[in-house]
N, C-alpha and C. Protein backbone atom coordinates (compact mmCIF):
# COMPACT_ATOMS: atom_id res chain seq x y z
N ILE A 1 -54.36 -26.77 -12.29
CA ILE A 1 -54.85 -25.71 -13.11
C ILE A 1 -53.48 -25.17 -13.65
N LEU A 2 -52.99 -24.52 -12.89
CA LEU A 2 -52.03 -23.26 -12.93
C LEU A 2 -50.84 -24.04 -14.23
N GLY A 3 -50.75 -25.50 -13.94
CA GLY A 3 -49.71 -25.89 -14.63
C GLY A 3 -50.31 -25.95 -16.06
N PHE A 4 -51.27 -26.59 -16.20
CA PHE A 4 -52.09 -26.62 -17.90
C PHE A 4 -52.07 -25.34 -17.71
N LEU A 5 -52.52 -24.16 -17.46
CA LEU A 5 -52.44 -22.95 -18.27
C LEU A 5 -50.91 -22.35 -18.26
N MET A 6 -50.49 -22.73 -18.41
CA MET A 6 -49.17 -22.38 -18.13
C MET A 6 -48.45 -22.89 -19.37
N GLY A 7 -48.48 -24.41 -19.70
CA GLY A 7 -48.05 -25.32 -20.79
C GLY A 7 -49.07 -24.86 -21.86
N LEU A 8 -50.54 -24.45 -21.80
CA LEU A 8 -51.53 -23.93 -22.83
C LEU A 8 -50.87 -22.05 -23.25
N THR A 9 -50.10 -21.38 -22.37
CA THR A 9 -49.94 -20.26 -22.33
C THR A 9 -48.42 -20.15 -23.71
N ALA A 10 -47.87 -20.74 -22.93
CA ALA A 10 -46.42 -21.56 -23.77
C ALA A 10 -46.50 -22.24 -25.54
N GLY A 11 -47.60 -22.75 -25.29
CA GLY A 11 -47.96 -23.60 -26.36
C GLY A 11 -48.57 -22.57 -27.87
N PHE A 12 -49.09 -21.59 -26.83
CA PHE A 12 -49.96 -20.65 -27.92
C PHE A 12 -48.87 -19.96 -28.94
N THR A 13 -47.59 -19.73 -27.90
CA THR A 13 -46.37 -18.84 -28.86
C THR A 13 -45.52 -19.90 -29.81
N VAL A 14 -45.81 -21.24 -30.16
CA VAL A 14 -44.98 -22.13 -30.60
C VAL A 14 -45.23 -21.01 -32.29
N ILE A 15 -46.63 -21.05 -32.46
CA ILE A 15 -46.70 -20.37 -34.04
C ILE A 15 -46.20 -19.21 -33.99
N THR A 16 -46.16 -18.42 -33.03
CA THR A 16 -46.04 -17.10 -33.00
C THR A 16 -44.14 -16.73 -33.23
N SER A 17 -43.68 -17.52 -32.81
CA SER A 17 -42.36 -18.31 -33.65
C SER A 17 -41.51 -18.48 -34.17
N GLN A 18 -42.55 -19.59 -35.12
CA GLN A 18 -42.48 -19.88 -36.24
C GLN A 18 -42.77 -18.85 -37.42
N ARG A 19 -43.81 -17.63 -37.30
CA ARG A 19 -44.16 -16.50 -38.00
C ARG A 19 -43.48 -15.78 -37.58
N PHE A 20 -42.70 -15.36 -36.48
CA PHE A 20 -41.24 -14.74 -36.35
C PHE A 20 -40.45 -14.59 -37.26
N GLY A 21 -40.15 -15.52 -36.97
CA GLY A 21 -38.46 -16.72 -38.00
C GLY A 21 -39.20 -16.31 -39.19
N ALA A 22 -39.59 -16.53 -39.75
CA ALA A 22 -40.15 -16.77 -41.45
C ALA A 22 -39.95 -15.25 -41.56
N GLY A 23 -40.22 -14.12 -41.16
CA GLY A 23 -40.75 -12.74 -40.95
C GLY A 23 -41.60 -12.08 -41.54
N ASP A 24 -42.95 -13.41 -41.19
CA ASP A 24 -44.33 -12.38 -41.65
C ASP A 24 -44.50 -11.93 -40.26
N MET A 25 -44.32 -10.88 -40.03
CA MET A 25 -44.63 -9.80 -38.83
C MET A 25 -46.55 -9.65 -38.64
N GLU A 26 -46.92 -9.44 -39.64
CA GLU A 26 -48.48 -9.32 -39.95
C GLU A 26 -49.28 -10.88 -39.22
N GLY A 27 -48.66 -12.03 -40.05
CA GLY A 27 -49.10 -13.21 -38.90
C GLY A 27 -48.64 -13.29 -37.98
N MET A 28 -47.62 -13.14 -37.35
CA MET A 28 -47.10 -12.74 -36.14
C MET A 28 -47.96 -12.28 -34.85
N ARG A 29 -48.19 -10.97 -35.72
CA ARG A 29 -49.10 -10.47 -34.45
C ARG A 29 -50.80 -10.57 -34.13
N LYS A 30 -51.23 -11.49 -35.72
CA LYS A 30 -52.33 -11.91 -35.43
C LYS A 30 -52.47 -13.69 -34.58
N THR A 31 -51.33 -14.28 -34.65
CA THR A 31 -51.16 -15.35 -33.63
C THR A 31 -50.90 -14.53 -32.34
N VAL A 32 -50.33 -13.39 -31.92
CA VAL A 32 -50.67 -13.26 -30.63
C VAL A 32 -51.66 -12.21 -30.19
N GLY A 33 -52.57 -11.62 -31.16
CA GLY A 33 -54.24 -11.11 -31.17
C GLY A 33 -55.13 -12.81 -30.53
N SER A 34 -55.14 -13.60 -31.42
CA SER A 34 -55.28 -15.06 -31.49
C SER A 34 -55.08 -15.73 -29.77
N ALA A 35 -54.48 -15.42 -29.42
CA ALA A 35 -53.61 -16.21 -28.20
C ALA A 35 -53.88 -15.29 -26.92
N ALA A 36 -54.06 -13.91 -27.67
CA ALA A 36 -55.00 -13.14 -25.88
C ALA A 36 -56.28 -13.24 -26.24
N VAL A 37 -56.83 -13.94 -27.26
CA VAL A 37 -58.35 -13.52 -26.95
C VAL A 37 -58.30 -15.29 -26.15
N LEU A 38 -57.69 -16.40 -27.28
CA LEU A 38 -58.36 -17.49 -26.50
C LEU A 38 -57.68 -17.43 -24.53
N SER A 39 -56.74 -16.59 -24.48
CA SER A 39 -56.12 -16.46 -23.21
C SER A 39 -56.80 -15.55 -22.56
N VAL A 40 -57.87 -14.68 -22.61
CA VAL A 40 -58.69 -14.39 -21.90
C VAL A 40 -59.80 -15.21 -21.81
N VAL A 41 -60.31 -15.93 -22.60
CA VAL A 41 -61.88 -16.74 -22.56
C VAL A 41 -61.08 -18.30 -21.60
N ILE A 42 -60.29 -18.79 -22.10
CA ILE A 42 -59.36 -19.78 -21.25
C ILE A 42 -59.26 -19.29 -19.61
N SER A 43 -59.43 -17.77 -19.52
CA SER A 43 -58.70 -17.80 -17.73
C SER A 43 -60.04 -17.48 -17.49
N LEU A 44 -61.04 -16.80 -17.73
CA LEU A 44 -62.61 -16.93 -17.79
C LEU A 44 -63.35 -17.76 -16.75
N LEU A 45 -63.36 -19.39 -18.27
CA LEU A 45 -63.62 -20.17 -18.27
C LEU A 45 -63.18 -21.35 -16.97
N MET A 46 -61.64 -21.12 -16.39
CA MET A 46 -60.42 -21.68 -15.68
C MET A 46 -61.20 -21.19 -13.90
N THR A 47 -61.57 -20.10 -14.46
CA THR A 47 -61.40 -19.13 -12.86
C THR A 47 -62.51 -18.86 -12.23
N VAL A 48 -64.16 -19.52 -13.38
CA VAL A 48 -65.19 -20.34 -12.93
C VAL A 48 -65.35 -21.23 -12.36
N VAL A 49 -65.22 -22.49 -13.23
CA VAL A 49 -64.97 -23.91 -12.99
C VAL A 49 -64.13 -24.30 -11.61
N SER A 50 -62.56 -23.52 -11.53
CA SER A 50 -61.52 -24.05 -10.76
C SER A 50 -62.74 -23.05 -9.52
N MET A 51 -63.62 -22.04 -9.39
CA MET A 51 -64.29 -21.70 -7.92
C MET A 51 -65.35 -22.15 -7.33
N VAL A 52 -65.65 -22.79 -8.84
CA VAL A 52 -67.13 -23.55 -8.26
C VAL A 52 -66.84 -25.10 -7.72
N GLY A 53 -66.54 -24.80 -8.50
CA GLY A 53 -65.28 -26.59 -7.64
C GLY A 53 -64.19 -27.01 -6.45
N MET A 54 -64.23 -25.99 -6.27
CA MET A 54 -62.45 -26.46 -4.93
C MET A 54 -63.09 -26.69 -3.75
N LYS A 55 -64.86 -25.95 -3.36
CA LYS A 55 -65.49 -26.77 -2.56
C LYS A 55 -65.13 -28.05 -2.23
N PRO A 56 -66.01 -28.31 -3.25
CA PRO A 56 -66.66 -30.04 -3.91
C PRO A 56 -64.82 -30.98 -3.82
N LEU A 57 -64.23 -30.56 -4.41
CA LEU A 57 -62.53 -31.24 -4.54
C LEU A 57 -62.02 -30.92 -3.12
N LEU A 58 -62.01 -30.26 -2.53
CA LEU A 58 -61.36 -30.00 -1.05
C LEU A 58 -61.72 -31.08 0.10
N LYS A 59 -63.31 -31.39 -0.67
CA LYS A 59 -64.11 -32.43 0.42
C LYS A 59 -63.52 -34.12 0.07
N PHE A 60 -63.60 -33.79 -1.29
CA PHE A 60 -63.43 -35.20 -1.54
C PHE A 60 -61.85 -35.26 -1.16
N MET A 61 -61.03 -34.43 -1.67
CA MET A 61 -59.81 -34.86 -1.05
C MET A 61 -59.57 -34.74 0.43
N ASN A 62 -60.50 -34.78 1.27
CA ASN A 62 -60.75 -35.35 2.60
C ASN A 62 -59.42 -34.02 2.90
N THR A 63 -59.58 -33.16 2.92
CA THR A 63 -58.66 -31.96 4.01
C THR A 63 -59.40 -31.98 5.07
N PRO A 64 -58.41 -32.14 6.11
CA PRO A 64 -58.97 -32.19 7.59
C PRO A 64 -59.78 -30.64 7.67
N ASP A 65 -60.60 -30.98 8.71
CA ASP A 65 -61.17 -29.46 9.08
C ASP A 65 -60.53 -28.71 9.88
N ASP A 66 -59.14 -28.79 10.41
CA ASP A 66 -58.83 -27.93 11.31
C ASP A 66 -58.08 -27.12 10.09
N ILE A 67 -58.18 -27.47 9.36
CA ILE A 67 -57.25 -26.62 8.24
C ILE A 67 -58.23 -26.21 7.01
N PHE A 68 -59.37 -26.64 7.05
CA PHE A 68 -60.34 -26.56 5.78
C PHE A 68 -60.32 -25.09 5.51
N HIS A 69 -60.97 -24.14 6.14
CA HIS A 69 -61.16 -22.68 5.88
C HIS A 69 -60.13 -21.55 5.25
N ASP A 70 -58.77 -22.28 6.10
CA ASP A 70 -57.52 -21.66 5.40
C ASP A 70 -57.06 -22.05 4.45
N THR A 71 -57.32 -23.36 3.79
CA THR A 71 -57.03 -23.88 2.48
C THR A 71 -58.29 -23.24 1.62
N TYR A 72 -59.01 -23.46 1.59
CA TYR A 72 -60.70 -22.51 1.14
C TYR A 72 -60.03 -21.50 0.67
N LEU A 73 -59.77 -20.46 1.55
CA LEU A 73 -59.70 -19.24 1.19
C LEU A 73 -58.44 -18.93 0.53
N TYR A 74 -57.07 -19.42 0.61
CA TYR A 74 -55.95 -19.88 -0.23
C TYR A 74 -56.70 -20.12 -1.61
N ILE A 75 -56.62 -21.26 -1.57
CA ILE A 75 -56.71 -21.73 -3.13
C ILE A 75 -57.90 -20.46 -3.71
N MET A 76 -58.45 -20.43 -3.13
CA MET A 76 -59.87 -19.19 -3.73
C MET A 76 -59.32 -17.68 -4.29
N ILE A 77 -58.19 -17.78 -3.88
CA ILE A 77 -57.53 -16.55 -4.11
C ILE A 77 -56.44 -16.60 -5.10
N ILE A 78 -56.33 -17.81 -4.97
CA ILE A 78 -55.16 -18.33 -6.36
C ILE A 78 -56.27 -18.63 -7.42
N CYS A 79 -57.08 -18.64 -7.31
CA CYS A 79 -58.04 -18.87 -8.50
C CYS A 79 -58.71 -17.92 -8.92
N ALA A 80 -58.66 -16.70 -8.14
CA ALA A 80 -59.22 -15.65 -8.45
C ALA A 80 -58.32 -14.68 -9.29
N GLY A 81 -56.91 -14.98 -8.71
CA GLY A 81 -56.02 -14.43 -9.64
C GLY A 81 -55.50 -15.29 -10.66
N ILE A 82 -56.37 -16.37 -11.56
CA ILE A 82 -55.82 -16.94 -12.28
C ILE A 82 -55.18 -15.96 -13.64
N PHE A 83 -55.90 -15.04 -14.34
CA PHE A 83 -55.48 -13.80 -14.99
C PHE A 83 -54.45 -13.78 -15.11
N ALA A 84 -53.90 -13.59 -13.79
CA ALA A 84 -52.69 -12.66 -13.83
C ALA A 84 -51.22 -13.71 -14.02
N GLN A 85 -51.98 -14.72 -13.21
CA GLN A 85 -50.68 -15.97 -13.91
C GLN A 85 -50.63 -16.30 -15.62
N VAL A 86 -51.88 -16.11 -16.15
CA VAL A 86 -52.04 -16.30 -17.63
C VAL A 86 -51.67 -15.04 -18.31
N LEU A 87 -51.39 -13.88 -17.40
CA LEU A 87 -51.16 -12.71 -18.09
C LEU A 87 -49.60 -12.64 -18.12
N TYR A 88 -48.65 -13.03 -17.26
CA TYR A 88 -47.26 -12.77 -17.49
C TYR A 88 -46.86 -13.77 -17.80
N ASN A 89 -47.42 -15.55 -17.92
CA ASN A 89 -46.82 -16.58 -18.77
C ASN A 89 -47.30 -16.30 -20.33
N LEU A 90 -48.30 -15.73 -20.58
CA LEU A 90 -48.34 -15.32 -21.85
C LEU A 90 -47.66 -14.34 -22.90
N LEU A 91 -47.41 -13.38 -22.08
CA LEU A 91 -46.73 -12.10 -22.50
C LEU A 91 -45.22 -12.64 -22.10
N ALA A 92 -44.54 -13.39 -21.27
CA ALA A 92 -43.37 -13.77 -21.41
C ALA A 92 -42.86 -14.78 -22.09
N SER A 93 -43.78 -15.73 -22.43
CA SER A 93 -43.49 -16.63 -23.96
C SER A 93 -43.76 -16.00 -25.03
N ILE A 94 -43.90 -14.74 -24.92
CA ILE A 94 -44.53 -13.99 -26.54
C ILE A 94 -43.03 -13.07 -26.74
N LEU A 95 -42.74 -13.09 -26.09
CA LEU A 95 -41.37 -12.32 -25.39
C LEU A 95 -39.95 -12.72 -25.98
N ARG A 96 -40.09 -14.61 -25.08
CA ARG A 96 -39.19 -15.77 -25.64
C ARG A 96 -39.32 -16.03 -26.56
N ALA A 97 -40.81 -16.00 -27.49
CA ALA A 97 -40.79 -16.21 -28.64
C ALA A 97 -40.37 -15.48 -30.28
N LEU A 98 -39.79 -14.26 -29.73
CA LEU A 98 -39.52 -12.67 -30.46
C LEU A 98 -37.97 -13.05 -30.43
N GLY A 99 -37.47 -13.96 -29.02
CA GLY A 99 -35.72 -14.17 -28.70
C GLY A 99 -35.24 -13.67 -27.65
N ASN A 100 -35.99 -13.12 -26.80
CA ASN A 100 -35.76 -12.53 -25.40
C ASN A 100 -35.97 -13.49 -24.58
N SER A 101 -35.32 -13.55 -23.96
CA SER A 101 -35.51 -15.10 -22.59
C SER A 101 -35.13 -14.10 -21.35
N LYS A 102 -34.23 -13.16 -21.39
CA LYS A 102 -34.33 -12.64 -20.69
C LYS A 102 -34.55 -11.46 -20.00
N THR A 103 -35.80 -10.88 -20.60
CA THR A 103 -36.29 -9.44 -19.79
C THR A 103 -37.50 -10.53 -19.53
N PRO A 104 -38.40 -11.71 -19.69
CA PRO A 104 -38.87 -12.16 -18.53
C PRO A 104 -38.96 -12.64 -17.41
N LEU A 105 -37.46 -13.27 -17.55
CA LEU A 105 -36.58 -13.63 -16.46
C LEU A 105 -36.25 -12.89 -15.65
N TYR A 106 -36.16 -11.52 -15.85
CA TYR A 106 -35.43 -10.55 -14.49
C TYR A 106 -36.76 -10.11 -14.25
N PHE A 107 -38.34 -9.86 -14.98
CA PHE A 107 -39.41 -10.06 -14.54
C PHE A 107 -39.82 -11.04 -13.11
N LEU A 108 -39.92 -12.35 -13.59
CA LEU A 108 -39.93 -12.98 -12.84
C LEU A 108 -39.15 -12.89 -11.83
N LEU A 109 -38.02 -12.77 -11.91
CA LEU A 109 -37.34 -12.73 -10.52
C LEU A 109 -37.47 -11.19 -9.20
N PHE A 110 -37.72 -10.40 -10.14
CA PHE A 110 -38.22 -9.02 -9.48
C PHE A 110 -39.34 -9.65 -9.18
N SER A 111 -40.66 -10.28 -9.22
CA SER A 111 -41.75 -10.80 -8.88
C SER A 111 -41.52 -11.76 -7.79
N ALA A 112 -41.05 -12.64 -7.65
CA ALA A 112 -40.01 -13.48 -6.40
C ALA A 112 -39.71 -13.05 -5.53
N VAL A 113 -38.52 -12.56 -5.45
CA VAL A 113 -38.74 -11.37 -4.12
C VAL A 113 -39.55 -9.92 -3.72
N LEU A 114 -40.27 -10.09 -5.05
CA LEU A 114 -41.68 -9.45 -4.46
C LEU A 114 -43.14 -10.05 -3.58
N ASN A 115 -42.68 -11.04 -3.92
CA ASN A 115 -43.49 -12.35 -3.34
C ASN A 115 -43.47 -12.48 -2.06
N ILE A 116 -41.92 -12.48 -1.94
CA ILE A 116 -41.70 -12.49 -0.62
C ILE A 116 -41.54 -11.41 0.64
N VAL A 117 -41.11 -10.50 0.06
CA VAL A 117 -41.53 -9.18 0.61
C VAL A 117 -42.89 -9.07 1.22
N LEU A 118 -43.85 -9.15 0.10
CA LEU A 118 -45.30 -9.21 0.27
C LEU A 118 -45.70 -10.45 1.30
N ASP A 119 -44.98 -11.65 1.41
CA ASP A 119 -45.13 -12.82 2.42
C ASP A 119 -44.99 -12.32 3.63
N LEU A 120 -44.04 -11.30 3.90
CA LEU A 120 -43.56 -11.33 5.65
C LEU A 120 -44.53 -10.13 5.65
N VAL A 121 -45.04 -9.27 4.75
CA VAL A 121 -45.47 -8.09 5.38
C VAL A 121 -47.07 -8.74 5.67
N LEU A 122 -47.55 -9.29 4.53
CA LEU A 122 -49.42 -9.60 5.13
C LEU A 122 -49.24 -10.53 5.95
N ILE A 123 -48.34 -11.40 5.96
CA ILE A 123 -48.51 -12.81 7.36
C ILE A 123 -47.94 -12.04 8.51
N ILE A 124 -47.07 -11.20 8.96
CA ILE A 124 -46.08 -11.29 9.56
C ILE A 124 -46.88 -9.88 10.68
N VAL A 125 -46.97 -8.62 9.76
CA VAL A 125 -47.85 -7.29 9.91
C VAL A 125 -49.18 -7.32 9.88
N PHE A 126 -49.09 -7.74 9.49
CA PHE A 126 -51.11 -7.77 8.85
C PHE A 126 -51.54 -8.47 9.06
N HIS A 127 -50.86 -9.89 9.82
CA HIS A 127 -51.52 -10.96 10.67
C HIS A 127 -52.66 -12.19 9.44
N LEU A 128 -52.16 -11.74 8.20
CA LEU A 128 -53.44 -12.47 7.30
C LEU A 128 -53.30 -13.95 7.34
N GLY A 129 -52.28 -14.61 7.69
CA GLY A 129 -52.06 -15.81 7.30
C GLY A 129 -51.65 -16.56 6.00
N ALA A 130 -52.76 -17.55 6.08
CA ALA A 130 -52.58 -18.48 4.99
C ALA A 130 -53.44 -17.37 3.50
N PRO A 131 -54.43 -16.76 3.47
CA PRO A 131 -54.69 -16.04 2.47
C PRO A 131 -53.90 -14.52 2.21
N GLY A 132 -52.44 -14.31 3.16
CA GLY A 132 -51.96 -12.74 2.53
C GLY A 132 -51.57 -13.52 2.10
N ALA A 133 -50.56 -14.71 2.17
CA ALA A 133 -49.59 -15.43 1.08
C ALA A 133 -50.16 -15.58 -0.13
N ALA A 134 -51.40 -15.80 -0.29
CA ALA A 134 -52.27 -16.58 -1.41
C ALA A 134 -52.19 -14.69 -2.16
N TYR A 135 -52.58 -13.65 -1.65
CA TYR A 135 -52.62 -12.46 -2.23
C TYR A 135 -51.60 -11.77 -2.45
N ALA A 136 -50.27 -12.40 -1.68
CA ALA A 136 -48.84 -11.68 -2.25
C ALA A 136 -48.05 -12.79 -3.56
N THR A 137 -49.45 -13.49 -3.73
CA THR A 137 -48.31 -14.62 -4.97
C THR A 137 -49.29 -13.70 -5.70
N VAL A 138 -50.55 -13.72 -5.84
CA VAL A 138 -51.84 -13.00 -6.85
C VAL A 138 -50.92 -11.66 -7.44
N ILE A 139 -50.54 -10.90 -6.07
CA ILE A 139 -50.12 -9.53 -6.46
C ILE A 139 -48.73 -9.48 -7.45
N ALA A 140 -47.89 -10.31 -7.05
CA ALA A 140 -46.58 -10.58 -7.89
C ALA A 140 -46.54 -11.03 -8.93
N GLN A 141 -47.81 -11.72 -9.62
CA GLN A 141 -47.79 -12.34 -10.24
C GLN A 141 -48.52 -11.23 -11.25
N GLY A 142 -48.86 -10.53 -10.47
CA GLY A 142 -50.14 -9.57 -11.55
C GLY A 142 -48.93 -8.56 -11.87
N VAL A 143 -47.74 -7.98 -11.37
CA VAL A 143 -46.97 -7.36 -11.26
C VAL A 143 -46.44 -7.31 -12.29
N SER A 144 -45.52 -8.76 -12.30
CA SER A 144 -45.07 -9.35 -13.11
C SER A 144 -44.94 -9.34 -14.67
N GLY A 145 -46.78 -9.33 -15.10
CA GLY A 145 -47.40 -9.39 -15.98
C GLY A 145 -47.77 -8.24 -16.51
N LEU A 146 -47.78 -7.23 -15.83
CA LEU A 146 -47.59 -5.50 -16.03
C LEU A 146 -46.44 -5.01 -16.48
N LEU A 147 -45.38 -5.86 -15.68
CA LEU A 147 -44.04 -4.94 -16.40
C LEU A 147 -44.03 -5.98 -17.90
N CYS A 148 -43.92 -6.78 -18.20
CA CYS A 148 -44.01 -7.69 -19.22
C CYS A 148 -44.76 -6.76 -20.51
N LEU A 149 -46.51 -6.62 -20.11
CA LEU A 149 -46.85 -5.37 -21.10
C LEU A 149 -46.24 -4.09 -21.28
N ILE A 150 -46.29 -3.75 -20.33
CA ILE A 150 -45.63 -2.32 -20.62
C ILE A 150 -44.46 -2.01 -20.71
N TYR A 151 -43.49 -2.84 -20.73
CA TYR A 151 -42.22 -3.19 -21.52
C TYR A 151 -41.94 -3.80 -23.36
N ILE A 152 -43.72 -4.28 -23.40
CA ILE A 152 -43.95 -4.88 -24.74
C ILE A 152 -44.14 -3.17 -25.24
N ILE A 153 -45.29 -2.61 -24.67
CA ILE A 153 -46.15 -1.56 -25.39
C ILE A 153 -44.60 -0.50 -25.14
N LYS A 154 -43.15 -0.42 -24.65
CA LYS A 154 -42.42 0.78 -25.15
C LYS A 154 -41.30 0.40 -25.75
N LYS A 155 -40.87 -1.63 -25.43
CA LYS A 155 -40.17 -1.44 -26.44
C LYS A 155 -39.94 -2.80 -27.74
N VAL A 156 -40.83 -3.28 -27.62
CA VAL A 156 -41.89 -4.04 -29.07
C VAL A 156 -42.37 -3.42 -29.73
N PRO A 157 -41.89 -2.26 -30.88
CA PRO A 157 -43.14 -1.85 -31.82
C PRO A 157 -43.67 -3.14 -32.37
N VAL A 158 -43.15 -4.04 -32.85
CA VAL A 158 -43.62 -4.96 -33.60
C VAL A 158 -44.37 -5.72 -33.30
N LEU A 159 -44.97 -5.31 -31.65
CA LEU A 159 -46.09 -6.56 -31.58
C LEU A 159 -47.15 -5.18 -31.10
N LYS A 160 -47.24 -3.95 -31.45
CA LYS A 160 -48.18 -3.23 -31.98
C LYS A 160 -49.59 -3.59 -32.56
N LEU A 161 -50.68 -4.15 -32.01
CA LEU A 161 -51.35 -4.45 -32.44
C LEU A 161 -52.70 -3.88 -32.93
N GLU A 162 -53.13 -4.31 -34.02
CA GLU A 162 -54.82 -3.58 -34.29
C GLU A 162 -55.81 -4.57 -34.06
N LYS A 163 -56.99 -3.74 -34.55
CA LYS A 163 -57.99 -4.37 -33.97
C LYS A 163 -58.16 -5.69 -34.75
N SER A 164 -57.74 -5.79 -35.81
CA SER A 164 -58.05 -6.92 -36.30
C SER A 164 -57.01 -7.98 -36.70
N ASP A 165 -55.81 -7.78 -35.54
CA ASP A 165 -55.11 -8.75 -35.26
C ASP A 165 -55.95 -9.59 -34.45
N PHE A 166 -56.73 -9.42 -33.31
CA PHE A 166 -57.79 -10.36 -32.08
C PHE A 166 -59.09 -10.96 -33.06
N ARG A 167 -59.02 -11.11 -34.21
CA ARG A 167 -59.43 -11.74 -34.87
C ARG A 167 -59.40 -13.24 -35.41
N PRO A 168 -59.80 -14.33 -35.19
CA PRO A 168 -58.99 -15.34 -34.87
C PRO A 168 -59.43 -15.92 -36.35
N ASP A 169 -58.03 -16.21 -36.69
CA ASP A 169 -57.75 -16.95 -38.13
C ASP A 169 -57.55 -18.22 -37.94
N ALA A 170 -58.22 -19.08 -38.94
CA ALA A 170 -57.77 -20.50 -38.91
C ALA A 170 -56.71 -20.60 -40.22
N HIS A 171 -56.47 -19.92 -40.87
CA HIS A 171 -54.94 -19.99 -41.51
C HIS A 171 -53.67 -19.99 -41.16
N LEU A 172 -53.43 -19.39 -39.70
CA LEU A 172 -52.34 -19.73 -39.01
C LEU A 172 -51.83 -20.80 -38.48
N ILE A 173 -52.98 -21.45 -38.42
CA ILE A 173 -52.09 -22.82 -38.02
C ILE A 173 -51.21 -23.59 -38.83
N ARG A 174 -51.81 -23.01 -40.08
CA ARG A 174 -50.76 -23.84 -41.27
C ARG A 174 -49.50 -23.66 -41.19
N THR A 175 -48.48 -24.87 -40.83
CA THR A 175 -47.13 -24.31 -41.09
C THR A 175 -46.60 -24.04 -42.61
N GLN A 176 -45.34 -23.46 -42.45
CA GLN A 176 -45.08 -24.01 -44.14
C GLN A 176 -43.72 -24.29 -44.37
């Protein structure tokens, strides 16, 4: 599920990079707005579908009874955090489409360290086990996504979107 979403968010920004490279800032902002709308819709859909279908999927996969409960809790927390994953991946892809690959990497590195620290705290100190590891992952992903968002708002004025940028536009998919 997460791999699919990562590919999807990266794919959304192909046209963004084309528009940016062509100097079409209005078209670039519209592709970002459209990608944001599609990301929200797909995140909601994937969250609902994955959470509803997870228990039957785990049973179908013959998950052993002795780990079923922890496995189920872990994966449900991860699925509930799909939006955090999509937020980081979409914003990082947008930054890369505009030629900035370092900033998303720095935020990802920070997030990885934060994840490790939160794992240790939630599992060892608070004894949350597998659910603690899932919470650590979702929190770290959310932080990296928020860092990307704050960076874009403060440092990338070309991405200041207007309400009209969030309306789907079929002309955007035509390449020149």
